[in-house]
Amino acid sequence: ARDLIGKIIYTRFDNMLTGGIITETEAYAGIVDQASHAYN
């Protein structure tokens, strides 16, 4: 999550390219993380 800050995410749909520099992320740590959809 930390390392993704500053990377660029791109999408290409119907031959239209869009993208942005990643400025904010959140990590979710799976089955041990009560905030995760996969908790428990």
Full PDB file with SEQRES, HELIX, SHEET, SSBOND, CRYST1, ORIGX, SCALE, CONECT and MASTER records, all heavy atoms in Angstrom:
SEQRES   1 A   40  ALA ARG ASP LEU ILE GLY LYS ILE ILE TYR THR ARG PHE          
SEQRES   2 A   40  ASP ASN MET LEU THR GLY GLY ILE ILE THR GLU THR GLU          
SEQRES   3 A   40  ALA TYR ALA GLY ILE VAL ASP GLN ALA SER HIS ALA TYR          
SEQRES   4 A   40  ASN                                                          
HELIX    1 AA1 GLY A   30  VAL A   32  5                                   3    
SHEET    1 AA1 2 ILE A   8  PHE A  13  0                                        
SHEET    2 AA1 2 MET A  16  ILE A  21 -1                                        
CRYST1    1.000    1.000    1.000  90.00  90.00  90.00 P 1           1          
ORIGX1      1.000000  0.000000  0.000000        0.00000                         
ORIGX2      0.000000  1.000000  0.000000        0.00000                         
ORIGX3      0.000000  0.000000  1.000000        0.00000                         
SCALE1      1.000000  0.000000  0.000000        0.00000                         
SCALE2      0.000000  1.000000  0.000000        0.00000                         
SCALE3      0.000000  0.000000  1.000000        0.00000                         
ATOM      1  N   ALA A   1       0.829  -1.200   0.000  1.00  0.00           N  
ATOM      2  CA  ALA A   1       0.000   0.000   0.000  1.00  0.00           C  
ATOM      3  C   ALA A   1       0.868   1.256   0.000  1.00  0.00           C  
ATOM      4  O   ALA A   1       0.584   2.225  -0.714  1.00  0.00           O  
ATOM      5  CB  ALA A   1      -0.933  -0.001   1.207  1.00  0.00           C  
ATOM      6  N   ARG A   2       1.922   1.237   0.790  1.00  0.00           N  
ATOM      7  CA  ARG A   2       2.852   2.365   0.832  1.00  0.00           C  
ATOM      8  C   ARG A   2       3.581   2.525  -0.499  1.00  0.00           C  
ATOM      9  O   ARG A   2       3.723   3.636  -1.027  1.00  0.00           O  
ATOM     10  CB  ARG A   2       3.867   2.155   1.971  1.00  0.00           C  
ATOM     11  CG  ARG A   2       5.163   2.940   1.869  1.00  0.00           C  
ATOM     12  CD  ARG A   2       4.972   4.436   1.920  1.00  0.00           C  
ATOM     13  NE  ARG A   2       6.238   5.142   1.776  1.00  0.00           N  
ATOM     14  CZ  ARG A   2       6.816   5.449   0.616  1.00  0.00           C  
ATOM     15  NH1 ARG A   2       6.255   5.076  -0.520  1.00  0.00           N  
ATOM     16  NH2 ARG A   2       7.954   6.115   0.583  1.00  0.00           N  
ATOM     17  N   ASP A   3       4.018   1.429  -1.078  1.00  0.00           N  
ATOM     18  CA  ASP A   3       4.799   1.482  -2.310  1.00  0.00           C  
ATOM     19  C   ASP A   3       3.975   1.900  -3.527  1.00  0.00           C  
ATOM     20  O   ASP A   3       4.541   2.331  -4.541  1.00  0.00           O  
ATOM     21  CB  ASP A   3       5.458   0.129  -2.582  1.00  0.00           C  
ATOM     22  CG  ASP A   3       6.548  -0.207  -1.571  1.00  0.00           C  
ATOM     23  OD1 ASP A   3       6.978   0.702  -0.837  1.00  0.00           O  
ATOM     24  OD2 ASP A   3       6.956  -1.389  -1.507  1.00  0.00           O  
ATOM     25  N   LEU A   4       2.668   1.754  -3.447  1.00  0.00           N  
ATOM     26  CA  LEU A   4       1.815   2.166  -4.570  1.00  0.00           C  
ATOM     27  C   LEU A   4       1.701   3.687  -4.676  1.00  0.00           C  
ATOM     28  O   LEU A   4       1.377   4.211  -5.747  1.00  0.00           O  
ATOM     29  CB  LEU A   4       0.416   1.552  -4.428  1.00  0.00           C  
ATOM     30  CG  LEU A   4       0.302   0.087  -4.869  1.00  0.00           C  
ATOM     31  CD1 LEU A   4      -1.011  -0.516  -4.391  1.00  0.00           C  
ATOM     32  CD2 LEU A   4       0.410  -0.038  -6.390  1.00  0.00           C  
ATOM     33  N   ILE A   5       1.976   4.399  -3.588  1.00  0.00           N  
ATOM     34  CA  ILE A   5       1.939   5.858  -3.642  1.00  0.00           C  
ATOM     35  C   ILE A   5       3.001   6.349  -4.627  1.00  0.00           C  
ATOM     36  O   ILE A   5       4.171   5.996  -4.522  1.00  0.00           O  
ATOM     37  CB  ILE A   5       2.177   6.476  -2.246  1.00  0.00           C  
ATOM     38  CG1 ILE A   5       1.123   5.997  -1.244  1.00  0.00           C  
ATOM     39  CG2 ILE A   5       2.193   8.003  -2.333  1.00  0.00           C  
ATOM     40  CD1 ILE A   5      -0.282   6.417  -1.558  1.00  0.00           C  
ATOM     41  N   GLY A   6       2.584   7.146  -5.594  1.00  0.00           N  
ATOM     42  CA  GLY A   6       3.490   7.648  -6.610  1.00  0.00           C  
ATOM     43  C   GLY A   6       3.516   6.835  -7.890  1.00  0.00           C  
ATOM     44  O   GLY A   6       4.068   7.283  -8.905  1.00  0.00           O  
ATOM     45  N   LYS A   7       2.936   5.629  -7.854  1.00  0.00           N  
ATOM     46  CA  LYS A   7       2.810   4.852  -9.085  1.00  0.00           C  
ATOM     47  C   LYS A   7       1.626   5.401  -9.892  1.00  0.00           C  
ATOM     48  O   LYS A   7       0.811   6.172  -9.384  1.00  0.00           O  
ATOM     49  CB  LYS A   7       2.578   3.371  -8.767  1.00  0.00           C  
ATOM     50  CG  LYS A   7       3.646   2.730  -7.885  1.00  0.00           C  
ATOM     51  CD  LYS A   7       5.001   2.712  -8.542  1.00  0.00           C  
ATOM     52  CE  LYS A   7       6.009   1.842  -7.763  1.00  0.00           C  
ATOM     53  NZ  LYS A   7       6.341   2.403  -6.433  1.00  0.00           N  
ATOM     54  N   ILE A   8       1.533   5.014 -11.160  1.00  0.00           N  
ATOM     55  CA  ILE A   8       0.467   5.512 -12.026  1.00  0.00           C  
ATOM     56  C   ILE A   8      -0.449   4.365 -12.423  1.00  0.00           C  
ATOM     57  O   ILE A   8       0.013   3.341 -12.935  1.00  0.00           O  
ATOM     58  CB  ILE A   8       1.031   6.181 -13.288  1.00  0.00           C  
ATOM     59  CG1 ILE A   8       1.935   7.351 -12.895  1.00  0.00           C  
ATOM     60  CG2 ILE A   8      -0.110   6.679 -14.179  1.00  0.00           C  
ATOM     61  CD1 ILE A   8       2.616   8.012 -14.070  1.00  0.00           C  
ATOM     62  N   ILE A   9      -1.746   4.527 -12.164  1.00  0.00           N  
ATOM     63  CA  ILE A   9      -2.727   3.546 -12.596  1.00  0.00           C  
ATOM     64  C   ILE A   9      -3.347   4.011 -13.914  1.00  0.00           C  
ATOM     65  O   ILE A   9      -3.686   5.185 -14.078  1.00  0.00           O  
ATOM     66  CB  ILE A   9      -3.825   3.314 -11.531  1.00  0.00           C  
ATOM     67  CG1 ILE A   9      -4.791   2.222 -12.019  1.00  0.00           C  
ATOM     68  CG2 ILE A   9      -4.545   4.598 -11.143  1.00  0.00           C  
ATOM     69  CD1 ILE A   9      -5.741   1.716 -10.952  1.00  0.00           C  
ATOM     70  N   TYR A  10      -3.428   3.083 -14.853  1.00  0.00           N  
ATOM     71  CA  TYR A  10      -3.992   3.374 -16.169  1.00  0.00           C  
ATOM     72  C   TYR A  10      -5.205   2.476 -16.421  1.00  0.00           C  
ATOM     73  O   TYR A  10      -5.252   1.331 -15.955  1.00  0.00           O  
ATOM     74  CB  TYR A  10      -2.977   3.089 -17.270  1.00  0.00           C  
ATOM     75  CG  TYR A  10      -1.832   4.062 -17.366  1.00  0.00           C  
ATOM     76  CD1 TYR A  10      -0.594   3.756 -16.810  1.00  0.00           C  
ATOM     77  CD2 TYR A  10      -1.975   5.277 -18.038  1.00  0.00           C  
ATOM     78  CE1 TYR A  10       0.473   4.644 -16.924  1.00  0.00           C  
ATOM     79  CE2 TYR A  10      -0.919   6.171 -18.139  1.00  0.00           C  
ATOM     80  CZ  TYR A  10       0.302   5.844 -17.587  1.00  0.00           C  
ATOM     81  OH  TYR A  10       1.357   6.721 -17.686  1.00  0.00           O  
ATOM     82  N   THR A  11      -6.147   3.002 -17.191  1.00  0.00           N  
ATOM     83  CA  THR A  11      -7.236   2.183 -17.730  1.00  0.00           C  
ATOM     84  C   THR A  11      -7.343   2.458 -19.226  1.00  0.00           C  
ATOM     85  O   THR A  11      -7.092   3.570 -19.684  1.00  0.00           O  
ATOM     86  CB  THR A  11      -8.593   2.495 -17.073  1.00  0.00           C  
ATOM     87  OG1 THR A  11      -8.977   3.846 -17.365  1.00  0.00           O  
ATOM     88  CG2 THR A  11      -8.546   2.311 -15.560  1.00  0.00           C  
ATOM     89  N   ARG A  12      -7.689   1.421 -19.962  1.00  0.00           N  
ATOM     90  CA  ARG A  12      -7.941   1.581 -21.390  1.00  0.00           C  
ATOM     91  C   ARG A  12      -9.229   0.848 -21.731  1.00  0.00           C  
ATOM     92  O   ARG A  12      -9.274  -0.387 -21.756  1.00  0.00           O  
ATOM     93  CB  ARG A  12      -6.793   1.019 -22.231  1.00  0.00           C  
ATOM     94  CG  ARG A  12      -6.913   1.389 -23.727  1.00  0.00           C  
ATOM     95  CD  ARG A  12      -5.913   0.606 -24.585  1.00  0.00           C  
ATOM     96  NE  ARG A  12      -4.542   0.833 -24.186  1.00  0.00           N  
ATOM     97  CZ  ARG A  12      -3.788   1.860 -24.600  1.00  0.00           C  
ATOM     98  NH1 ARG A  12      -4.305   2.759 -25.418  1.00  0.00           N  
ATOM     99  NH2 ARG A  12      -2.540   1.973 -24.190  1.00  0.00           N  
ATOM    100  N   PHE A  13     -10.274   1.618 -21.950  1.00  0.00           N  
ATOM    101  CA  PHE A  13     -11.574   1.073 -22.320  1.00  0.00           C  
ATOM    102  C   PHE A  13     -12.008   1.713 -23.638  1.00  0.00           C  
ATOM    103  O   PHE A  13     -11.924   2.942 -23.790  1.00  0.00           O  
ATOM    104  CB  PHE A  13     -12.632   1.371 -21.249  1.00  0.00           C  
ATOM    105  CG  PHE A  13     -12.233   0.919 -19.859  1.00  0.00           C  
ATOM    106  CD1 PHE A  13     -12.338   1.781 -18.788  1.00  0.00           C  
ATOM    107  CD2 PHE A  13     -11.764  -0.368 -19.631  1.00  0.00           C  
ATOM    108  CE1 PHE A  13     -11.991   1.380 -17.513  1.00  0.00           C  
ATOM    109  CE2 PHE A  13     -11.410  -0.779 -18.363  1.00  0.00           C  
ATOM    110  CZ  PHE A  13     -11.519   0.096 -17.292  1.00  0.00           C  
ATOM    111  N   ASP A  14     -12.480   0.898 -24.573  1.00  0.00           N  
ATOM    112  CA  ASP A  14     -12.920   1.405 -25.878  1.00  0.00           C  
ATOM    113  C   ASP A  14     -11.843   2.290 -26.504  1.00  0.00           C  
ATOM    114  O   ASP A  14     -12.133   3.345 -27.097  1.00  0.00           O  
ATOM    115  CB  ASP A  14     -14.234   2.189 -25.738  1.00  0.00           C  
ATOM    116  CG  ASP A  14     -15.360   1.329 -25.194  1.00  0.00           C  
ATOM    117  OD1 ASP A  14     -15.434   0.145 -25.588  1.00  0.00           O  
ATOM    118  OD2 ASP A  14     -16.147   1.822 -24.368  1.00  0.00           O  
ATOM    119  N   ASN A  15     -10.598   1.850 -26.343  1.00  0.00           N  
ATOM    120  CA  ASN A  15      -9.429   2.543 -26.897  1.00  0.00           C  
ATOM    121  C   ASN A  15      -9.229   3.948 -26.321  1.00  0.00           C  
ATOM    122  O   ASN A  15      -8.561   4.781 -26.932  1.00  0.00           O  
ATOM    123  CB  ASN A  15      -9.517   2.635 -28.429  1.00  0.00           C  
ATOM    124  CG  ASN A  15      -8.147   2.675 -29.067  1.00  0.00           C  
ATOM    125  OD1 ASN A  15      -7.188   2.088 -28.551  1.00  0.00           O  
ATOM    126  ND2 ASN A  15      -8.024   3.381 -30.180  1.00  0.00           N  
ATOM    127  N   MET A  16      -9.803   4.209 -25.153  1.00  0.00           N  
ATOM    128  CA  MET A  16      -9.615   5.496 -24.482  1.00  0.00           C  
ATOM    129  C   MET A  16      -8.720   5.288 -23.262  1.00  0.00           C  
ATOM    130  O   MET A  16      -9.064   4.535 -22.353  1.00  0.00           O  
ATOM    131  CB  MET A  16     -10.953   6.108 -24.062  1.00  0.00           C  
ATOM    132  CG  MET A  16     -11.829   6.508 -25.231  1.00  0.00           C  
ATOM    133  SD  MET A  16     -13.347   7.373 -24.739  1.00  0.00           S  
ATOM    134  CE  MET A  16     -14.213   6.045 -23.882  1.00  0.00           C  
ATOM    135  N   LEU A  17      -7.569   5.928 -23.258  1.00  0.00           N  
ATOM    136  CA  LEU A  17      -6.591   5.780 -22.191  1.00  0.00           C  
ATOM    137  C   LEU A  17      -6.768   6.881 -21.155  1.00  0.00           C  
ATOM    138  O   LEU A  17      -6.814   8.069 -21.491  1.00  0.00           O  
ATOM    139  CB  LEU A  17      -5.176   5.852 -22.766  1.00  0.00           C  
ATOM    140  CG  LEU A  17      -4.024   5.732 -21.761  1.00  0.00           C  
ATOM    141  CD1 LEU A  17      -3.972   4.327 -21.176  1.00  0.00           C  
ATOM    142  CD2 LEU A  17      -2.699   6.090 -22.429  1.00  0.00           C  
ATOM    143  N   THR A  18      -6.896   6.488 -19.898  1.00  0.00           N  
ATOM    144  CA  THR A  18      -6.938   7.448 -18.796  1.00  0.00           C  
ATOM    145  C   THR A  18      -6.003   6.953 -17.700  1.00  0.00           C  
ATOM    146  O   THR A  18      -5.713   5.763 -17.601  1.00  0.00           O  
ATOM    147  CB  THR A  18      -8.362   7.617 -18.217  1.00  0.00           C  
ATOM    148  OG1 THR A  18      -8.872   6.327 -17.826  1.00  0.00           O  
ATOM    149  CG2 THR A  18      -9.308   8.242 -19.228  1.00  0.00           C  
ATOM    150  N   GLY A  19      -5.540   7.879 -16.880  1.00  0.00           N  
ATOM    151  CA  GLY A  19      -4.641   7.471 -15.813  1.00  0.00           C  
ATOM    152  C   GLY A  19      -4.416   8.561 -14.795  1.00  0.00           C  
ATOM    153  O   GLY A  19      -4.703   9.740 -15.032  1.00  0.00           O  
ATOM    154  N   GLY A  20      -3.912   8.147 -13.641  1.00  0.00           N  
ATOM    155  CA  GLY A  20      -3.634   9.100 -12.575  1.00  0.00           C  
ATOM    156  C   GLY A  20      -2.553   8.574 -11.651  1.00  0.00           C  
ATOM    157  O   GLY A  20      -2.364   7.360 -11.517  1.00  0.00           O  
ATOM    158  N   ILE A  21      -1.834   9.499 -11.037  1.00  0.00           N  
ATOM    159  CA  ILE A  21      -0.816   9.143 -10.058  1.00  0.00           C  
ATOM    160  C   ILE A  21      -1.509   8.755  -8.762  1.00  0.00           C  
ATOM    161  O   ILE A  21      -2.382   9.492  -8.266  1.00  0.00           O  
ATOM    162  CB  ILE A  21       0.137  10.323  -9.831  1.00  0.00           C  
ATOM    163  CG1 ILE A  21       0.844  10.701 -11.128  1.00  0.00           C  
ATOM    164  CG2 ILE A  21       1.169   9.976  -8.751  1.00  0.00           C  
ATOM    165  CD1 ILE A  21       1.628  11.983 -11.049  1.00  0.00           C  
ATOM    166  N   ILE A  22      -1.171   7.613  -8.220  1.00  0.00           N  
ATOM    167  CA  ILE A  22      -1.795   7.127  -6.987  1.00  0.00           C  
ATOM    168  C   ILE A  22      -1.339   7.982  -5.809  1.00  0.00           C  
ATOM    169  O   ILE A  22      -0.145   8.109  -5.546  1.00  0.00           O  
ATOM    170  CB  ILE A  22      -1.456   5.645  -6.759  1.00  0.00           C  
ATOM    171  CG1 ILE A  22      -2.058   4.791  -7.893  1.00  0.00           C  
ATOM    172  CG2 ILE A  22      -1.991   5.168  -5.395  1.00  0.00           C  
ATOM    173  CD1 ILE A  22      -1.650   3.328  -7.838  1.00  0.00           C  
ATOM    174  N   THR A  23      -2.302   8.570  -5.107  1.00  0.00           N  
ATOM    175  CA  THR A  23      -1.998   9.479  -4.003  1.00  0.00           C  
ATOM    176  C   THR A  23      -2.509   8.994  -2.658  1.00  0.00           C  
ATOM    177  O   THR A  23      -2.113   9.521  -1.618  1.00  0.00           O  
ATOM    178  CB  THR A  23      -2.597  10.866  -4.265  1.00  0.00           C  
ATOM    179  OG1 THR A  23      -4.018  10.748  -4.443  1.00  0.00           O  
ATOM    180  CG2 THR A  23      -1.981  11.512  -5.506  1.00  0.00           C  
ATOM    181  N   GLU A  24      -3.394   7.986  -2.651  1.00  0.00           N  
ATOM    182  CA  GLU A  24      -3.929   7.510  -1.372  1.00  0.00           C  
ATOM    183  C   GLU A  24      -4.336   6.049  -1.483  1.00  0.00           C  
ATOM    184  O   GLU A  24      -4.986   5.643  -2.453  1.00  0.00           O  
ATOM    185  CB  GLU A  24      -5.124   8.357  -0.939  1.00  0.00           C  
ATOM    186  CG  GLU A  24      -5.660   7.988   0.437  1.00  0.00           C  
ATOM    187  CD  GLU A  24      -6.802   8.887   0.897  1.00  0.00           C  
ATOM    188  OE1 GLU A  24      -7.184   9.810   0.133  1.00  0.00           O  
ATOM    189  OE2 GLU A  24      -7.318   8.662   2.002  1.00  0.00           O  
ATOM    190  N   THR A  25      -3.951   5.265  -0.483  1.00  0.00           N  
ATOM    191  CA  THR A  25      -4.284   3.846  -0.445  1.00  0.00           C  
ATOM    192  C   THR A  25      -4.599   3.415   0.990  1.00  0.00           C  
ATOM    193  O   THR A  25      -4.251   4.102   1.945  1.00  0.00           O  
ATOM    194  CB  THR A  25      -3.109   2.976  -0.951  1.00  0.00           C  
ATOM    195  OG1 THR A  25      -1.968   3.211  -0.122  1.00  0.00           O  
ATOM    196  CG2 THR A  25      -2.770   3.271  -2.401  1.00  0.00           C  
ATOM    197  N   GLU A  26      -5.229   2.261   1.113  1.00  0.00           N  
ATOM    198  CA  GLU A  26      -5.450   1.619   2.413  1.00  0.00           C  
ATOM    199  C   GLU A  26      -5.181   0.130   2.289  1.00  0.00           C  
ATOM    200  O   GLU A  26      -5.628  -0.504   1.324  1.00  0.00           O  
ATOM    201  CB  GLU A  26      -6.881   1.823   2.908  1.00  0.00           C  
ATOM    202  CG  GLU A  26      -7.190   3.227   3.383  1.00  0.00           C  
ATOM    203  CD  GLU A  26      -8.623   3.368   3.867  1.00  0.00           C  
ATOM    204  OE1 GLU A  26      -9.445   2.461   3.599  1.00  0.00           O  
ATOM    205  OE2 GLU A  26      -8.922   4.388   4.500  1.00  0.00           O  
ATOM    206  N   ALA A  27      -4.492  -0.423   3.259  1.00  0.00           N  
ATOM    207  CA  ALA A  27      -4.201  -1.853   3.283  1.00  0.00           C  
ATOM    208  C   ALA A  27      -5.257  -2.610   4.087  1.00  0.00           C  
ATOM    209  O   ALA A  27      -5.743  -2.114   5.116  1.00  0.00           O  
ATOM    210  CB  ALA A  27      -2.822  -2.101   3.895  1.00  0.00           C  
ATOM    211  N   TYR A  28      -5.587  -3.817   3.627  1.00  0.00           N  
ATOM    212  CA  TYR A  28      -6.523  -4.698   4.326  1.00  0.00           C  
ATOM    213  C   TYR A  28      -5.898  -6.091   4.408  1.00  0.00           C  
ATOM    214  O   TYR A  28      -5.635  -6.715   3.381  1.00  0.00           O  
ATOM    215  CB  TYR A  28      -7.875  -4.729   3.601  1.00  0.00           C  
ATOM    216  CG  TYR A  28      -8.622  -3.430   3.788  1.00  0.00           C  
ATOM    217  CD1 TYR A  28      -8.366  -2.347   2.960  1.00  0.00           C  
ATOM    218  CD2 TYR A  28      -9.530  -3.277   4.830  1.00  0.00           C  
ATOM    219  CE1 TYR A  28      -9.021  -1.133   3.151  1.00  0.00           C  
ATOM    220  CE2 TYR A  28     -10.192  -2.064   5.027  1.00  0.00           C  
ATOM    221  CZ  TYR A  28      -9.927  -1.003   4.193  1.00  0.00           C  
ATOM    222  OH  TYR A  28     -10.563   0.202   4.390  1.00  0.00           O  
ATOM    223  N   ALA A  29      -5.668  -6.535   5.656  1.00  0.00           N  
ATOM    224  CA  ALA A  29      -4.818  -7.703   5.896  1.00  0.00           C  
ATOM    225  C   ALA A  29      -5.597  -9.001   6.087  1.00  0.00           C  
ATOM    226  O   ALA A  29      -5.295  -9.812   6.974  1.00  0.00           O  
ATOM    227  CB  ALA A  29      -3.911  -7.441   7.092  1.00  0.00           C  
ATOM    228  N   GLY A  30      -6.612  -9.212   5.283  1.00  0.00           N  
ATOM    229  CA  GLY A  30      -7.247 -10.512   5.194  1.00  0.00           C  
ATOM    230  C   GLY A  30      -7.942 -11.020   6.437  1.00  0.00           C  
ATOM    231  O   GLY A  30      -8.603 -10.276   7.160  1.00  0.00           O  
ATOM    232  N   ILE A  31      -7.748 -12.298   6.723  1.00  0.00           N  
ATOM    233  CA  ILE A  31      -8.573 -13.000   7.710  1.00  0.00           C  
ATOM    234  C   ILE A  31      -8.332 -12.533   9.144  1.00  0.00           C  
ATOM    235  O   ILE A  31      -9.164 -12.768  10.015  1.00  0.00           O  
ATOM    236  CB  ILE A  31      -8.380 -14.527   7.609  1.00  0.00           C  
ATOM    237  CG1 ILE A  31      -6.942 -14.927   7.934  1.00  0.00           C  
ATOM    238  CG2 ILE A  31      -8.761 -15.015   6.226  1.00  0.00           C  
ATOM    239  CD1 ILE A  31      -6.717 -16.423   7.958  1.00  0.00           C  
ATOM    240  N   VAL A  32      -7.219 -11.866   9.414  1.00  0.00           N  
ATOM    241  CA  VAL A  32      -6.938 -11.401  10.777  1.00  0.00           C  
ATOM    242  C   VAL A  32      -7.309  -9.937  10.973  1.00  0.00           C  
ATOM    243  O   VAL A  32      -7.164  -9.396  12.075  1.00  0.00           O  
ATOM    244  CB  VAL A  32      -5.447 -11.592  11.123  1.00  0.00           C  
ATOM    245  CG1 VAL A  32      -5.080 -13.059  11.058  1.00  0.00           C  
ATOM    246  CG2 VAL A  32      -4.544 -10.764  10.212  1.00  0.00           C  
ATOM    247  N   ASP A  33      -7.808  -9.295   9.936  1.00  0.00           N  
ATOM    248  CA  ASP A  33      -8.107  -7.863   9.947  1.00  0.00           C  
ATOM    249  C   ASP A  33      -9.622  -7.670   9.992  1.00  0.00           C  
ATOM    250  O   ASP A  33     -10.322  -7.981   9.033  1.00  0.00           O  
ATOM    251  CB  ASP A  33      -7.507  -7.210   8.695  1.00  0.00           C  
ATOM    252  CG  ASP A  33      -7.711  -5.708   8.629  1.00  0.00           C  
ATOM    253  OD1 ASP A  33      -8.428  -5.146   9.483  1.00  0.00           O  
ATOM    254  OD2 ASP A  33      -7.139  -5.089   7.708  1.00  0.00           O  
ATOM    255  N   GLN A  34     -10.120  -7.149  11.102  1.00  0.00           N  
ATOM    256  CA  GLN A  34     -11.569  -7.013  11.273  1.00  0.00           C  
ATOM    257  C   GLN A  34     -12.201  -6.039  10.280  1.00  0.00           C  
ATOM    258  O   GLN A  34     -13.419  -6.047  10.096  1.00  0.00           O  
ATOM    259  CB  GLN A  34     -11.888  -6.562  12.702  1.00  0.00           C  
ATOM    260  CG  GLN A  34     -11.531  -7.587  13.759  1.00  0.00           C  
ATOM    261  CD  GLN A  34     -11.894  -7.134  15.149  1.00  0.00           C  
ATOM    262  OE1 GLN A  34     -13.077  -7.046  15.503  1.00  0.00           O  
ATOM    263  NE2 GLN A  34     -10.895  -6.818  15.961  1.00  0.00           N  
ATOM    264  N   ALA A  35     -11.394  -5.207   9.641  1.00  0.00           N  
ATOM    265  CA  ALA A  35     -11.926  -4.275   8.646  1.00  0.00           C  
ATOM    266  C   ALA A  35     -11.998  -4.897   7.255  1.00  0.00           C  
ATOM    267  O   ALA A  35     -12.591  -4.309   6.350  1.00  0.00           O  
ATOM    268  CB  ALA A  35     -11.064  -3.016   8.600  1.00  0.00           C  
ATOM    269  N   SER A  36     -11.413  -6.066   7.083  1.00  0.00           N  
ATOM    270  CA  SER A  36     -11.361  -6.711   5.772  1.00  0.00           C  
ATOM    271  C   SER A  36     -12.653  -7.466   5.474  1.00  0.00           C  
ATOM    272  O   SER A  36     -13.259  -8.066   6.369  1.00  0.00           O  
ATOM    273  CB  SER A  36     -10.185  -7.687   5.720  1.00  0.00           C  
ATOM    274  OG  SER A  36     -10.229  -8.473   4.549  1.00  0.00           O  
ATOM    275  N   HIS A  37     -13.027  -7.489   4.208  1.00  0.00           N  
ATOM    276  CA  HIS A  37     -14.181  -8.281   3.790  1.00  0.00           C  
ATOM    277  C   HIS A  37     -13.938  -9.766   4.004  1.00  0.00           C  
ATOM    278  O   HIS A  37     -14.884 -10.556   4.032  1.00  0.00           O  
ATOM    279  CB  HIS A  37     -14.485  -8.028   2.308  1.00  0.00           C  
ATOM    280  CG  HIS A  37     -15.031  -6.667   2.026  1.00  0.00           C  
ATOM    281  ND1 HIS A  37     -15.197  -6.166   0.755  1.00  0.00           N  
ATOM    282  CD2 HIS A  37     -15.450  -5.684   2.876  1.00  0.00           C  
ATOM    283  CE1 HIS A  37     -15.693  -4.942   0.820  1.00  0.00           C  
ATOM    284  NE2 HIS A  37     -15.844  -4.632   2.084  1.00  0.00           N  
ATOM    285  N   ALA A  38     -12.682 -10.155   4.125  1.00  0.00           N  
ATOM    286  CA  ALA A  38     -12.336 -11.570   4.291  1.00  0.00           C  
ATOM    287  C   ALA A  38     -12.008 -11.916   5.737  1.00  0.00           C  
ATOM    288  O   ALA A  38     -11.466 -12.994   6.007  1.00  0.00           O  
ATOM    289  CB  ALA A  38     -11.153 -11.918   3.394  1.00  0.00           C  
ATOM    290  N   TYR A  39     -12.351 -11.038   6.663  1.00  0.00           N  
ATOM    291  CA  TYR A  39     -12.042 -11.295   8.073  1.00  0.00           C  
ATOM    292  C   TYR A  39     -12.636 -12.632   8.523  1.00  0.00           C  
ATOM    293  O   TYR A  39     -13.759 -12.989   8.172  1.00  0.00           O  
ATOM    294  CB  TYR A  39     -12.597 -10.165   8.937  1.00  0.00           C  
ATOM    295  CG  TYR A  39     -12.469 -10.425  10.417  1.00  0.00           C  
ATOM    296  CD1 TYR A  39     -11.219 -10.564  11.012  1.00  0.00           C  
ATOM    297  CD2 TYR A  39     -13.603 -10.551  11.221  1.00  0.00           C  
ATOM    298  CE1 TYR A  39     -11.089 -10.829  12.371  1.00  0.00           C  
ATOM    299  CE2 TYR A  39     -13.488 -10.793  12.583  1.00  0.00           C  
ATOM    300  CZ  TYR A  39     -12.229 -10.936  13.146  1.00  0.00           C  
ATOM    301  OH  TYR A  39     -12.106 -11.196  14.495  1.00  0.00           O  
ATOM    302  N   ASN A  40     -11.868 -13.333   9.315  1.00  0.00           N  
ATOM    303  CA  ASN A  40     -12.285 -14.623   9.869  1.00  0.00           C  
ATOM    304  C   ASN A  40     -12.571 -15.651   8.770  1.00  0.00           C  
ATOM    305  O   ASN A  40     -13.421 -16.519   8.913  1.00  0.00           O  
ATOM    306  CB  ASN A  40     -13.524 -14.455  10.769  1.00  0.00           C  
ATOM    307  CG  ASN A  40     -13.664 -15.583  11.773  1.00  0.00           C  
ATOM    308  OD1 ASN A  40     -12.689 -16.222  12.150  1.00  0.00           O  
ATOM    309  ND2 ASN A  40     -14.888 -15.837  12.201  1.00  0.00           N  
TER     310      ASN A  40                                                      
MASTER        0    0    0    1    2    0    0    6  309    1    0    4          
END                                                                             
